[in-house]
Amino acid sequence: MGLFDKFTPQASAFPSDEREAILFMLFGAIRSDGSISEEETWGLSSLVTKSRTMGAWPNDKFKESLRNCMNMWKGEQCDEVLRRCKALISPDLRESVFMNLCGLVLVDNEFTEKEITFIELSQQALGLDDDRARALVDAMVVLKRL
């Protein structure tokens, strides 16, 4: 056991529920290009506070989960955790989660290669077929223009 093990979530324990899985993916979207812009921070904050799924989350639990997200995204276990997210996110929410991921990467008006890779990994992790995912991305691009 390392000195700092108790401060780093173990991949097998995180995420532990649907809210943490969604938060993990949303946080991944805003940091996928390597930096987090102010627009992305506000976008995530707005999604979390307005969401029925996440809105009633106790503040201390939210802070702990957000800290875990930050630590997990720094590690090498992200692909494994993304795959586990699918099992935790109910099928009727997967398209909505994907659309919100797209919205977050588009919020700063930049769409980098790293963000494209993240969206593609998320599409696979959520089990969305290519045609449906393309339609959802197109819809988010149109919404962004409004």
N, C-alpha and C. Protein backbone atom coordinates (compact mmCIF):
# COMPACT_ATOMS: atom_id res chain seq x y z
N MET A 1 0.84 -1.18 0.00
CA MET A 1 0.00 0.00 0.00
C MET A 1 0.89 1.24 0.00
N GLY A 2 0.60 2.19 -0.92
CA GLY A 2 1.36 3.41 -1.01
C GLY A 2 0.88 4.46 -0.02
N LEU A 3 1.66 5.46 0.17
CA LEU A 3 1.33 6.52 1.13
C LEU A 3 0.05 7.28 0.78
N PHE A 4 -0.22 7.41 -0.51
CA PHE A 4 -1.36 8.23 -0.93
C PHE A 4 -2.51 7.40 -1.49
N ASP A 5 -2.49 6.09 -1.33
CA ASP A 5 -3.53 5.23 -1.87
C ASP A 5 -4.93 5.59 -1.38
N LYS A 6 -5.05 6.00 -0.14
CA LYS A 6 -6.38 6.29 0.40
C LYS A 6 -6.99 7.54 -0.22
N PHE A 7 -6.19 8.37 -0.89
CA PHE A 7 -6.69 9.58 -1.51
C PHE A 7 -7.05 9.39 -2.98
N THR A 8 -6.70 8.27 -3.55
CA THR A 8 -6.96 7.99 -4.95
C THR A 8 -7.99 6.87 -5.05
N PRO A 9 -9.12 7.13 -5.76
CA PRO A 9 -10.12 6.09 -5.86
C PRO A 9 -9.59 4.91 -6.67
N GLN A 10 -9.96 3.73 -6.28
CA GLN A 10 -9.59 2.54 -7.03
C GLN A 10 -10.54 2.39 -8.20
N ALA A 11 -10.02 1.97 -9.35
CA ALA A 11 -10.83 1.86 -10.56
C ALA A 11 -12.05 0.98 -10.34
N SER A 12 -11.91 -0.06 -9.53
CA SER A 12 -13.02 -0.98 -9.32
C SER A 12 -14.13 -0.37 -8.48
N ALA A 13 -13.85 0.72 -7.72
CA ALA A 13 -14.84 1.33 -6.85
C ALA A 13 -15.48 2.58 -7.44
N PHE A 14 -14.95 3.08 -8.52
CA PHE A 14 -15.44 4.33 -9.09
C PHE A 14 -15.66 4.17 -10.58
N PRO A 15 -16.75 4.63 -11.10
CA PRO A 15 -17.91 5.20 -10.42
C PRO A 15 -18.76 4.11 -9.78
N SER A 16 -19.48 4.48 -8.74
CA SER A 16 -20.25 3.49 -8.00
C SER A 16 -21.73 3.52 -8.33
N ASP A 17 -22.19 4.57 -8.99
CA ASP A 17 -23.62 4.66 -9.33
C ASP A 17 -23.79 5.50 -10.60
N GLU A 18 -25.03 5.64 -11.02
CA GLU A 18 -25.33 6.35 -12.27
C GLU A 18 -24.87 7.80 -12.23
N ARG A 19 -25.11 8.49 -11.13
CA ARG A 19 -24.69 9.90 -11.05
C ARG A 19 -23.19 10.05 -11.22
N GLU A 20 -22.43 9.19 -10.53
CA GLU A 20 -20.97 9.28 -10.66
C GLU A 20 -20.52 8.94 -12.08
N ALA A 21 -21.18 7.98 -12.71
CA ALA A 21 -20.82 7.63 -14.08
C ALA A 21 -21.07 8.80 -15.03
N ILE A 22 -22.21 9.46 -14.87
CA ILE A 22 -22.52 10.61 -15.72
C ILE A 22 -21.54 11.75 -15.44
N LEU A 23 -21.29 12.03 -14.17
CA LEU A 23 -20.34 13.09 -13.82
C LEU A 23 -18.95 12.79 -14.37
N PHE A 24 -18.52 11.53 -14.27
CA PHE A 24 -17.21 11.15 -14.80
C PHE A 24 -17.13 11.47 -16.29
N MET A 25 -18.17 11.13 -17.03
CA MET A 25 -18.15 11.38 -18.47
C MET A 25 -18.23 12.88 -18.76
N LEU A 26 -19.09 13.61 -18.04
CA LEU A 26 -19.19 15.05 -18.27
C LEU A 26 -17.87 15.75 -17.96
N PHE A 27 -17.24 15.37 -16.87
CA PHE A 27 -15.95 15.97 -16.53
C PHE A 27 -14.92 15.62 -17.60
N GLY A 28 -14.97 14.41 -18.11
CA GLY A 28 -14.06 14.01 -19.18
C GLY A 28 -14.22 14.88 -20.41
N ALA A 29 -15.46 15.27 -20.70
CA ALA A 29 -15.71 16.11 -21.87
C ALA A 29 -15.03 17.47 -21.73
N ILE A 30 -15.12 18.08 -20.56
CA ILE A 30 -14.56 19.43 -20.43
C ILE A 30 -13.05 19.42 -20.33
N ARG A 31 -12.45 18.29 -19.99
CA ARG A 31 -10.99 18.25 -19.89
C ARG A 31 -10.35 17.46 -21.03
N SER A 32 -11.15 17.05 -21.99
CA SER A 32 -10.63 16.18 -23.05
C SER A 32 -9.59 16.84 -23.94
N ASP A 33 -9.62 18.15 -24.07
CA ASP A 33 -8.62 18.82 -24.90
C ASP A 33 -7.37 19.21 -24.13
N GLY A 34 -7.32 18.85 -22.85
CA GLY A 34 -6.13 19.11 -22.05
C GLY A 34 -6.23 20.35 -21.17
N SER A 35 -7.25 21.16 -21.38
CA SER A 35 -7.46 22.33 -20.53
C SER A 35 -8.96 22.52 -20.33
N ILE A 36 -9.30 23.22 -19.28
CA ILE A 36 -10.71 23.46 -18.97
C ILE A 36 -10.96 24.96 -19.05
N SER A 37 -11.78 25.36 -20.02
CA SER A 37 -12.08 26.78 -20.21
C SER A 37 -13.17 27.23 -19.24
N GLU A 38 -13.30 28.52 -19.10
CA GLU A 38 -14.34 29.07 -18.25
C GLU A 38 -15.72 28.68 -18.77
N GLU A 39 -15.89 28.70 -20.09
CA GLU A 39 -17.18 28.31 -20.69
C GLU A 39 -17.52 26.86 -20.36
N GLU A 40 -16.50 25.99 -20.41
CA GLU A 40 -16.72 24.58 -20.10
C GLU A 40 -17.09 24.39 -18.63
N THR A 41 -16.43 25.15 -17.75
CA THR A 41 -16.74 25.07 -16.32
C THR A 41 -18.18 25.49 -16.07
N TRP A 42 -18.59 26.60 -16.67
CA TRP A 42 -19.97 27.07 -16.52
C TRP A 42 -20.95 26.07 -17.12
N GLY A 43 -20.58 25.48 -18.24
CA GLY A 43 -21.45 24.49 -18.88
C GLY A 43 -21.68 23.28 -17.98
N LEU A 44 -20.61 22.77 -17.39
CA LEU A 44 -20.73 21.63 -16.48
C LEU A 44 -21.55 22.01 -15.26
N SER A 45 -21.27 23.16 -14.69
CA SER A 45 -22.00 23.63 -13.51
C SER A 45 -23.49 23.75 -13.80
N SER A 46 -23.82 24.29 -14.94
CA SER A 46 -25.22 24.45 -15.33
C SER A 46 -25.92 23.09 -15.49
N LEU A 47 -25.23 22.16 -16.14
CA LEU A 47 -25.81 20.81 -16.32
C LEU A 47 -26.07 20.13 -14.98
N VAL A 48 -25.11 20.22 -14.09
CA VAL A 48 -25.23 19.55 -12.80
C VAL A 48 -26.35 20.15 -11.97
N THR A 49 -26.43 21.47 -11.93
CA THR A 49 -27.44 22.11 -11.08
C THR A 49 -28.85 21.99 -11.64
N LYS A 50 -29.00 21.88 -12.96
CA LYS A 50 -30.32 21.79 -13.57
C LYS A 50 -30.81 20.36 -13.77
N SER A 51 -29.93 19.42 -13.64
CA SER A 51 -30.26 18.02 -13.92
C SER A 51 -31.11 17.40 -12.82
N ARG A 52 -32.16 16.70 -13.22
CA ARG A 52 -32.98 15.96 -12.25
C ARG A 52 -32.18 14.81 -11.65
N THR A 53 -31.33 14.20 -12.46
CA THR A 53 -30.54 13.07 -11.99
C THR A 53 -29.50 13.50 -10.97
N MET A 54 -28.94 14.68 -11.14
CA MET A 54 -27.82 15.09 -10.31
C MET A 54 -28.14 16.24 -9.36
N GLY A 55 -29.24 16.92 -9.56
CA GLY A 55 -29.57 18.10 -8.79
C GLY A 55 -29.73 17.89 -7.30
N ALA A 56 -30.23 16.74 -6.88
CA ALA A 56 -30.48 16.49 -5.46
C ALA A 56 -29.29 15.85 -4.76
N TRP A 57 -28.16 15.91 -5.37
CA TRP A 57 -26.94 15.31 -4.83
C TRP A 57 -26.45 16.12 -3.65
N PRO A 58 -26.23 15.50 -2.50
CA PRO A 58 -25.68 16.24 -1.35
C PRO A 58 -24.33 16.86 -1.72
N ASN A 59 -24.10 18.09 -1.27
CA ASN A 59 -22.91 18.84 -1.65
C ASN A 59 -21.61 18.12 -1.33
N ASP A 60 -21.52 17.50 -0.14
CA ASP A 60 -20.28 16.82 0.24
C ASP A 60 -20.02 15.60 -0.64
N LYS A 61 -21.08 14.88 -1.00
CA LYS A 61 -20.93 13.71 -1.87
C LYS A 61 -20.53 14.16 -3.29
N PHE A 62 -21.12 15.28 -3.75
CA PHE A 62 -20.76 15.81 -5.06
C PHE A 62 -19.29 16.20 -5.10
N LYS A 63 -18.82 16.90 -4.08
CA LYS A 63 -17.41 17.32 -4.04
C LYS A 63 -16.48 16.10 -4.04
N GLU A 64 -16.83 15.09 -3.27
CA GLU A 64 -16.01 13.87 -3.23
C GLU A 64 -15.98 13.19 -4.60
N SER A 65 -17.14 13.12 -5.25
CA SER A 65 -17.21 12.49 -6.57
C SER A 65 -16.44 13.29 -7.61
N LEU A 66 -16.54 14.61 -7.54
CA LEU A 66 -15.81 15.46 -8.48
C LEU A 66 -14.30 15.30 -8.28
N ARG A 67 -13.87 15.23 -7.03
CA ARG A 67 -12.44 14.99 -6.73
C ARG A 67 -12.00 13.64 -7.31
N ASN A 68 -12.85 12.63 -7.15
CA ASN A 68 -12.54 11.32 -7.72
C ASN A 68 -12.44 11.39 -9.24
N CYS A 69 -13.34 12.15 -9.87
CA CYS A 69 -13.28 12.31 -11.33
C CYS A 69 -11.94 12.90 -11.74
N MET A 70 -11.55 13.96 -11.07
CA MET A 70 -10.27 14.61 -11.41
C MET A 70 -9.11 13.64 -11.27
N ASN A 71 -9.10 12.88 -10.19
CA ASN A 71 -8.02 11.92 -9.97
C ASN A 71 -8.04 10.79 -10.99
N MET A 72 -9.22 10.29 -11.32
CA MET A 72 -9.31 9.18 -12.28
C MET A 72 -8.89 9.62 -13.67
N TRP A 73 -9.25 10.83 -14.07
CA TRP A 73 -8.87 11.29 -15.40
C TRP A 73 -7.37 11.54 -15.50
N LYS A 74 -6.71 11.73 -14.38
CA LYS A 74 -5.25 11.88 -14.40
C LYS A 74 -4.57 10.53 -14.60
N GLY A 75 -5.25 9.47 -14.23
CA GLY A 75 -4.66 8.13 -14.27
C GLY A 75 -4.76 7.49 -15.64
N GLU A 76 -4.35 6.28 -15.70
CA GLU A 76 -4.33 5.52 -16.95
C GLU A 76 -5.54 4.61 -17.10
N GLN A 77 -6.47 4.67 -16.15
CA GLN A 77 -7.58 3.73 -16.12
C GLN A 77 -8.83 4.25 -16.82
N CYS A 78 -8.77 5.36 -17.50
CA CYS A 78 -9.95 6.03 -18.02
C CYS A 78 -10.76 5.18 -18.99
N ASP A 79 -10.11 4.49 -19.92
CA ASP A 79 -10.85 3.67 -20.87
C ASP A 79 -11.67 2.60 -20.16
N GLU A 80 -11.06 1.97 -19.16
CA GLU A 80 -11.75 0.95 -18.39
C GLU A 80 -12.95 1.54 -17.65
N VAL A 81 -12.77 2.71 -17.06
CA VAL A 81 -13.85 3.35 -16.31
C VAL A 81 -14.96 3.78 -17.26
N LEU A 82 -14.61 4.32 -18.43
CA LEU A 82 -15.63 4.69 -19.42
C LEU A 82 -16.48 3.49 -19.80
N ARG A 83 -15.86 2.35 -19.98
CA ARG A 83 -16.62 1.14 -20.33
C ARG A 83 -17.57 0.75 -19.20
N ARG A 84 -17.15 0.91 -17.97
CA ARG A 84 -18.02 0.59 -16.84
C ARG A 84 -19.18 1.55 -16.72
N CYS A 85 -19.01 2.77 -17.21
CA CYS A 85 -20.09 3.76 -17.13
C CYS A 85 -21.35 3.26 -17.84
N LYS A 86 -21.18 2.59 -18.96
CA LYS A 86 -22.34 2.10 -19.72
C LYS A 86 -23.24 1.24 -18.85
N ALA A 87 -22.66 0.37 -18.06
CA ALA A 87 -23.45 -0.52 -17.21
C ALA A 87 -24.20 0.25 -16.13
N LEU A 88 -23.69 1.40 -15.74
CA LEU A 88 -24.31 2.18 -14.67
C LEU A 88 -25.34 3.19 -15.16
N ILE A 89 -25.24 3.59 -16.43
CA ILE A 89 -26.16 4.59 -16.98
C ILE A 89 -27.32 3.86 -17.66
N SER A 90 -28.53 4.20 -17.24
CA SER A 90 -29.70 3.52 -17.79
C SER A 90 -29.80 3.79 -19.29
N PRO A 91 -30.24 2.78 -20.05
CA PRO A 91 -30.31 2.92 -21.51
C PRO A 91 -31.10 4.14 -21.97
N ASP A 92 -32.15 4.53 -21.25
CA ASP A 92 -32.95 5.67 -21.69
C ASP A 92 -32.25 7.01 -21.46
N LEU A 93 -31.14 7.03 -20.75
CA LEU A 93 -30.38 8.27 -20.54
C LEU A 93 -29.13 8.37 -21.41
N ARG A 94 -28.73 7.30 -22.04
CA ARG A 94 -27.45 7.29 -22.76
C ARG A 94 -27.38 8.32 -23.89
N GLU A 95 -28.45 8.46 -24.66
CA GLU A 95 -28.43 9.46 -25.74
C GLU A 95 -28.36 10.87 -25.17
N SER A 96 -29.09 11.12 -24.09
CA SER A 96 -29.05 12.45 -23.46
C SER A 96 -27.66 12.75 -22.92
N VAL A 97 -27.03 11.76 -22.30
CA VAL A 97 -25.67 11.95 -21.80
C VAL A 97 -24.74 12.26 -22.97
N PHE A 98 -24.87 11.52 -24.06
CA PHE A 98 -24.01 11.74 -25.23
C PHE A 98 -24.21 13.15 -25.78
N MET A 99 -25.46 13.60 -25.87
CA MET A 99 -25.72 14.94 -26.38
C MET A 99 -25.10 16.00 -25.47
N ASN A 100 -25.19 15.79 -24.16
CA ASN A 100 -24.59 16.74 -23.23
C ASN A 100 -23.07 16.74 -23.35
N LEU A 101 -22.48 15.59 -23.59
CA LEU A 101 -21.02 15.53 -23.82
C LEU A 101 -20.65 16.36 -25.04
N CYS A 102 -21.42 16.20 -26.11
CA CYS A 102 -21.17 16.97 -27.33
C CYS A 102 -21.32 18.47 -27.06
N GLY A 103 -22.38 18.83 -26.33
CA GLY A 103 -22.59 20.23 -26.00
C GLY A 103 -21.44 20.82 -25.21
N LEU A 104 -20.90 20.05 -24.27
CA LEU A 104 -19.79 20.55 -23.47
C LEU A 104 -18.52 20.75 -24.29
N VAL A 105 -18.23 19.86 -25.22
CA VAL A 105 -17.01 20.06 -26.02
C VAL A 105 -17.20 21.18 -27.04
N LEU A 106 -18.43 21.49 -27.38
CA LEU A 106 -18.69 22.58 -28.33
C LEU A 106 -18.83 23.95 -27.66
N VAL A 107 -18.99 23.98 -26.35
CA VAL A 107 -19.32 25.23 -25.66
C VAL A 107 -18.25 26.31 -25.81
N ASP A 108 -17.00 25.94 -25.97
CA ASP A 108 -15.93 26.94 -26.12
C ASP A 108 -15.62 27.26 -27.58
N ASN A 109 -16.48 26.79 -28.49
CA ASN A 109 -16.36 27.07 -29.93
C ASN A 109 -15.11 26.48 -30.56
N GLU A 110 -14.54 25.49 -29.93
CA GLU A 110 -13.39 24.77 -30.49
C GLU A 110 -13.71 23.29 -30.48
N PHE A 111 -13.25 22.57 -31.48
CA PHE A 111 -13.48 21.13 -31.56
C PHE A 111 -12.17 20.49 -31.99
N THR A 112 -11.36 20.11 -31.01
CA THR A 112 -10.01 19.60 -31.26
C THR A 112 -10.02 18.10 -31.55
N GLU A 113 -8.90 17.61 -32.04
CA GLU A 113 -8.75 16.17 -32.29
C GLU A 113 -8.95 15.36 -31.01
N LYS A 114 -8.42 15.87 -29.91
CA LYS A 114 -8.59 15.17 -28.63
C LYS A 114 -10.06 15.10 -28.24
N GLU A 115 -10.80 16.17 -28.48
CA GLU A 115 -12.23 16.17 -28.17
C GLU A 115 -12.99 15.20 -29.08
N ILE A 116 -12.61 15.16 -30.35
CA ILE A 116 -13.23 14.21 -31.28
C ILE A 116 -12.97 12.78 -30.81
N THR A 117 -11.75 12.51 -30.40
CA THR A 117 -11.41 11.17 -29.88
C THR A 117 -12.24 10.85 -28.65
N PHE A 118 -12.39 11.81 -27.76
CA PHE A 118 -13.19 11.59 -26.56
C PHE A 118 -14.65 11.28 -26.93
N ILE A 119 -15.21 12.05 -27.84
CA ILE A 119 -16.61 11.82 -28.25
C ILE A 119 -16.75 10.44 -28.87
N GLU A 120 -15.79 10.03 -29.69
CA GLU A 120 -15.84 8.69 -30.29
C GLU A 120 -15.73 7.59 -29.22
N LEU A 121 -14.84 7.76 -28.25
CA LEU A 121 -14.73 6.79 -27.16
C LEU A 121 -16.02 6.73 -26.35
N SER A 122 -16.61 7.89 -26.12
CA SER A 122 -17.87 7.95 -25.36
C SER A 122 -19.00 7.28 -26.12
N GLN A 123 -19.04 7.49 -27.42
CA GLN A 123 -20.05 6.84 -28.25
C GLN A 123 -19.95 5.33 -28.10
N GLN A 124 -18.74 4.82 -28.20
CA GLN A 124 -18.53 3.38 -28.05
C GLN A 124 -18.87 2.92 -26.64
N ALA A 125 -18.44 3.69 -25.64
CA ALA A 125 -18.70 3.31 -24.25
C ALA A 125 -20.20 3.28 -23.95
N LEU A 126 -20.95 4.19 -24.56
CA LEU A 126 -22.39 4.25 -24.32
C LEU A 126 -23.17 3.30 -25.22
N GLY A 127 -22.49 2.67 -26.17
CA GLY A 127 -23.14 1.69 -27.04
C GLY A 127 -24.05 2.29 -28.10
N LEU A 128 -23.71 3.49 -28.60
CA LEU A 128 -24.52 4.13 -29.63
C LEU A 128 -23.97 3.78 -31.01
N ASP A 129 -24.86 3.43 -31.93
CA ASP A 129 -24.38 3.11 -33.28
C ASP A 129 -23.97 4.39 -34.00
N ASP A 130 -23.17 4.22 -35.05
CA ASP A 130 -22.57 5.36 -35.75
C ASP A 130 -23.60 6.33 -36.31
N ASP A 131 -24.64 5.80 -36.95
CA ASP A 131 -25.65 6.69 -37.56
C ASP A 131 -26.38 7.52 -36.51
N ARG A 132 -26.75 6.89 -35.42
CA ARG A 132 -27.45 7.62 -34.36
C ARG A 132 -26.53 8.65 -33.72
N ALA A 133 -25.31 8.28 -33.45
CA ALA A 133 -24.36 9.22 -32.85
C ALA A 133 -24.12 10.41 -33.77
N ARG A 134 -23.98 10.16 -35.06
CA ARG A 134 -23.78 11.24 -36.03
C ARG A 134 -24.97 12.19 -36.03
N ALA A 135 -26.18 11.64 -35.98
CA ALA A 135 -27.39 12.47 -35.94
C ALA A 135 -27.43 13.32 -34.67
N LEU A 136 -27.03 12.76 -33.54
CA LEU A 136 -27.01 13.50 -32.29
C LEU A 136 -25.95 14.61 -32.31
N VAL A 137 -24.79 14.32 -32.88
CA VAL A 137 -23.75 15.35 -33.00
C VAL A 137 -24.26 16.47 -33.90
N ASP A 138 -24.85 16.12 -35.04
CA ASP A 138 -25.40 17.13 -35.95
C ASP A 138 -26.43 18.00 -35.25
N ALA A 139 -27.29 17.37 -34.45
CA ALA A 139 -28.31 18.14 -33.72
C ALA A 139 -27.67 19.12 -32.74
N MET A 140 -26.62 18.69 -32.06
CA MET A 140 -25.95 19.57 -31.10
C MET A 140 -25.24 20.72 -31.80
N VAL A 141 -24.69 20.48 -32.99
CA VAL A 141 -24.05 21.54 -33.76
C VAL A 141 -25.10 22.58 -34.17
N VAL A 142 -26.26 22.12 -34.62
CA VAL A 142 -27.33 23.03 -35.00
C VAL A 142 -27.80 23.82 -33.77
N LEU A 143 -28.01 23.15 -32.64
CA LEU A 143 -28.42 23.86 -31.42
C LEU A 143 -27.39 24.91 -31.01
N LYS A 144 -26.13 24.61 -31.20
CA LYS A 144 -25.06 25.53 -30.83
C LYS A 144 -25.15 26.81 -31.66
N ARG A 145 -25.59 26.69 -32.90
CA ARG A 145 -25.70 27.86 -33.77
C ARG A 145 -26.85 28.79 -33.40
N LEU A 146 -27.85 28.26 -32.69
CA LEU A 146 -29.04 29.06 -32.36
C LEU A 146 -28.75 30.15 -31.37
